Amino acid sequence: MRAHRPQVLLLDIRMPRMDGIDAARVVCGETDARVLMLTTFDQDEYVYDALRAGASGFLLKDVRRDDLVRAVQVVAAGESLLAPTVTRRLIDDMVSRRPRKPVGLGLLTIRERETLLLLGRGLSNAEIAAEFVVSEHTVKTHVSNVFAKLALRDRVQAVIAAYESGLIQPGG
């Protein structure tokens, strides 16, 4: 890692010499490289530990090759990405464990609120652009405004905010 300075590292939970979570902690603490966990271990504890260590993504090894390539591109671009089953469980766990926090939806314009709703449903910028019949550039502006106004770091936090605000209901 130090010699080659990659943009993205694929790490497994179990690796020789150092486990993937400890490796992610080192990588994220010492470099600008992004970490994508790729593992067979589909356990919530590993997901939480990996995200706390700084990982930008968590995928299972049954992911299709094309989806893995796209995931590396997404993470390299600075976004976060989780396997759909992991996302669903993470959201359900967050929503069920935490009392609903007031999310400052009043800070958002109507379009930004609609953007948050679609982010909460997991739509990409291209899909949101098609839904709104606007350019992806316009959607990126809306997403940036939502992130700034609600003090969100990434799309995962936007999904959580959509649930916590009541825009989206678990199982709906």
Protein backbone atom coordinates (compact mmCIF):
# COMPACT_ATOMS: atom_id res chain seq x y z
CA MET A 1 0.00 0.00 0.00
CA ARG A 2 2.71 2.47 0.96
CA ALA A 3 4.82 1.60 -2.09
CA HIS A 4 2.08 1.63 -4.72
CA ARG A 5 -0.32 4.28 -3.30
CA PRO A 6 -3.56 2.77 -4.68
CA GLN A 7 -6.81 4.76 -4.77
CA VAL A 8 -8.86 1.79 -3.57
CA LEU A 9 -7.93 -1.33 -1.64
CA LEU A 10 -10.06 -4.47 -1.62
CA LEU A 11 -9.76 -6.09 1.78
CA ASP A 12 -11.28 -9.22 3.26
CA ILE A 13 -12.29 -9.58 6.88
CA ARG A 14 -9.88 -12.48 7.35
CA MET A 15 -6.45 -12.07 5.81
CA PRO A 16 -2.99 -13.38 6.66
CA ARG A 17 -0.88 -11.32 9.09
CA MET A 18 -3.55 -8.67 9.77
CA ASP A 19 -7.33 -8.86 9.61
CA GLY A 20 -9.11 -6.60 7.15
CA ILE A 21 -10.66 -4.35 9.77
CA ASP A 22 -7.29 -3.58 11.36
CA ALA A 23 -5.83 -3.09 7.89
CA ALA A 24 -8.67 -0.69 7.01
CA ARG A 25 -7.97 1.27 10.18
CA VAL A 26 -4.29 1.60 9.20
CA VAL A 27 -5.02 2.44 5.56
CA CYS A 28 -7.68 5.02 6.36
CA GLY A 29 -5.61 6.53 9.15
CA GLU A 30 -2.38 6.87 7.18
CA THR A 31 -3.42 7.46 3.56
CA ASP A 32 -6.08 8.95 1.32
CA ALA A 33 -6.80 5.50 -0.11
CA ARG A 34 -10.38 4.25 0.12
CA VAL A 35 -11.20 0.77 1.40
CA LEU A 36 -13.80 -1.60 -0.04
CA MET A 37 -14.40 -4.67 2.08
CA LEU A 38 -15.09 -7.78 0.00
CA THR A 39 -15.91 -10.80 2.12
CA THR A 40 -17.99 -13.92 2.66
CA PHE A 41 -18.69 -12.85 6.25
CA ASP A 42 -22.16 -11.30 6.14
CA GLN A 43 -22.37 -10.36 9.82
CA ASP A 44 -23.52 -7.01 11.18
CA GLU A 45 -20.61 -6.83 13.63
CA TYR A 46 -18.13 -6.92 10.74
CA VAL A 47 -20.07 -4.29 8.80
CA TYR A 48 -20.15 -1.88 11.74
CA ASP A 49 -16.49 -2.50 12.60
CA ALA A 50 -15.41 -1.99 8.99
CA LEU A 51 -17.36 1.26 8.66
CA ARG A 52 -16.00 2.53 11.98
CA ALA A 53 -12.50 1.68 10.74
CA GLY A 54 -13.09 3.96 7.76
CA ALA A 55 -14.15 1.55 5.01
CA SER A 56 -16.14 3.19 2.24
CA GLY A 57 -17.89 0.04 1.14
CA PHE A 58 -18.85 -3.47 2.14
CA LEU A 59 -19.70 -6.14 -0.43
CA LEU A 60 -20.15 -9.87 -0.31
CA LYS A 61 -18.05 -12.15 -2.50
CA ASP A 62 -21.10 -13.34 -4.40
CA VAL A 63 -21.21 -9.93 -6.13
CA ARG A 64 -21.22 -10.08 -9.93
CA ARG A 65 -17.95 -9.11 -11.62
CA ASP A 66 -19.46 -6.06 -13.35
CA ASP A 67 -20.96 -4.87 -10.07
CA LEU A 68 -17.59 -5.25 -8.34
CA VAL A 69 -15.87 -3.19 -11.02
CA ARG A 70 -18.57 -0.52 -10.69
CA ALA A 71 -18.23 -0.61 -6.88
CA VAL A 72 -14.50 0.08 -7.11
CA GLN A 73 -15.25 3.03 -9.43
CA VAL A 74 -17.91 4.37 -7.04
CA VAL A 75 -15.61 4.13 -4.03
CA ALA A 76 -12.71 5.67 -5.99
CA ALA A 77 -14.99 8.60 -6.81
CA GLY A 78 -15.46 9.25 -3.10
CA GLU A 79 -18.87 7.66 -2.63
CA SER A 80 -19.90 4.93 -0.22
CA LEU A 81 -21.44 1.62 -1.20
CA LEU A 82 -22.94 -1.31 0.67
CA ALA A 83 -24.33 -4.63 -0.52
CA PRO A 84 -28.13 -4.30 -0.76
CA THR A 85 -28.74 -6.90 1.98
CA VAL A 86 -26.27 -5.12 4.23
CA THR A 87 -27.93 -1.76 3.54
CA ARG A 88 -31.37 -3.12 4.38
CA ARG A 89 -30.19 -4.63 7.69
CA LEU A 90 -28.19 -1.54 8.60
CA ILE A 91 -31.18 0.71 8.02
CA ASP A 92 -33.55 -1.57 9.90
CA ASP A 93 -31.12 -1.76 12.81
CA MET A 94 -30.54 1.99 12.90
CA VAL A 95 -34.23 2.80 12.71
CA SER A 96 -35.29 0.23 15.31
CA ARG A 97 -32.52 1.04 17.80
CA ARG A 98 -32.55 4.77 17.75
CA PRO A 99 -35.37 7.07 18.63
CA ARG A 100 -36.31 9.18 15.67
CA LYS A 101 -34.18 12.31 15.68
CA PRO A 102 -35.63 15.44 14.24
CA VAL A 103 -34.06 15.94 10.85
CA GLY A 104 -34.11 19.53 9.64
CA LEU A 105 -36.38 18.95 6.67
CA GLY A 106 -37.58 22.53 7.05
CA LEU A 107 -34.15 23.61 5.82
CA LEU A 108 -34.72 21.87 2.47
CA THR A 109 -36.50 23.15 -0.59
CA ILE A 110 -39.28 20.98 -1.99
CA ARG A 111 -36.89 19.62 -4.69
CA GLU A 112 -34.21 18.88 -2.09
CA ARG A 113 -36.76 17.02 0.03
CA GLU A 114 -37.77 14.99 -3.04
CA THR A 115 -34.07 14.34 -3.68
CA LEU A 116 -33.63 13.06 -0.11
CA LEU A 117 -36.63 10.77 -0.57
CA LEU A 118 -35.13 9.26 -3.74
CA LEU A 119 -31.69 8.96 -2.10
CA GLY A 120 -33.45 7.13 0.72
CA ARG A 121 -34.87 4.70 -1.80
CA GLY A 122 -31.36 4.03 -3.08
CA LEU A 123 -31.59 5.75 -6.47
CA SER A 124 -28.40 6.84 -8.21
CA ASN A 125 -27.89 10.37 -9.52
CA ALA A 126 -28.69 9.16 -13.04
CA GLU A 127 -31.93 7.56 -11.87
CA ILE A 128 -32.92 10.70 -9.94
CA ALA A 129 -32.14 12.82 -13.01
CA ALA A 130 -34.43 10.62 -15.12
CA GLU A 131 -37.18 10.85 -12.48
CA PHE A 132 -36.94 14.67 -12.31
CA VAL A 133 -36.24 15.06 -16.05
CA VAL A 134 -33.14 17.17 -15.35
CA SER A 135 -29.40 16.76 -15.90
CA GLU A 136 -27.18 14.73 -13.59
CA HIS A 137 -25.31 17.97 -12.88
CA THR A 138 -28.52 19.47 -11.49
CA VAL A 139 -29.08 16.38 -9.34
CA LYS A 140 -25.51 16.61 -8.02
CA THR A 141 -26.27 20.17 -6.95
CA HIS A 142 -29.45 19.05 -5.15
CA VAL A 143 -27.58 16.18 -3.46
CA SER A 144 -24.77 18.53 -2.38
CA ASN A 145 -27.31 20.99 -0.96
CA VAL A 146 -29.07 18.20 0.98
CA PHE A 147 -25.73 17.00 2.38
CA ALA A 148 -24.69 20.53 3.36
CA LYS A 149 -28.01 21.58 4.91
CA LEU A 150 -28.41 18.37 6.91
CA ALA A 151 -24.67 18.00 7.70
CA LEU A 152 -24.50 14.60 6.00
CA ARG A 153 -21.22 12.99 4.94
CA ASP A 154 -22.44 10.53 2.32
CA ARG A 155 -25.36 8.67 0.77
CA VAL A 156 -25.54 6.16 3.61
CA GLN A 157 -26.18 9.00 6.06
CA ALA A 158 -28.76 10.42 3.63
CA VAL A 159 -30.63 7.10 3.65
CA ILE A 160 -30.60 7.09 7.45
CA ALA A 161 -31.81 10.70 7.52
CA ALA A 162 -34.66 9.83 5.14
CA TYR A 163 -35.76 7.07 7.51
CA GLU A 164 -35.24 9.09 10.68
CA SER A 165 -37.22 12.01 9.25
CA GLY A 166 -40.15 9.75 8.43
CA LEU A 167 -39.89 10.35 4.68
CA ILE A 168 -39.49 6.57 4.31
CA GLN A 169 -40.91 3.90 6.57
CA PRO A 170 -39.14 0.59 7.27
CA GLY A 171 -40.47 -2.13 5.00
CA GLY A 172 -42.12 0.45 2.75
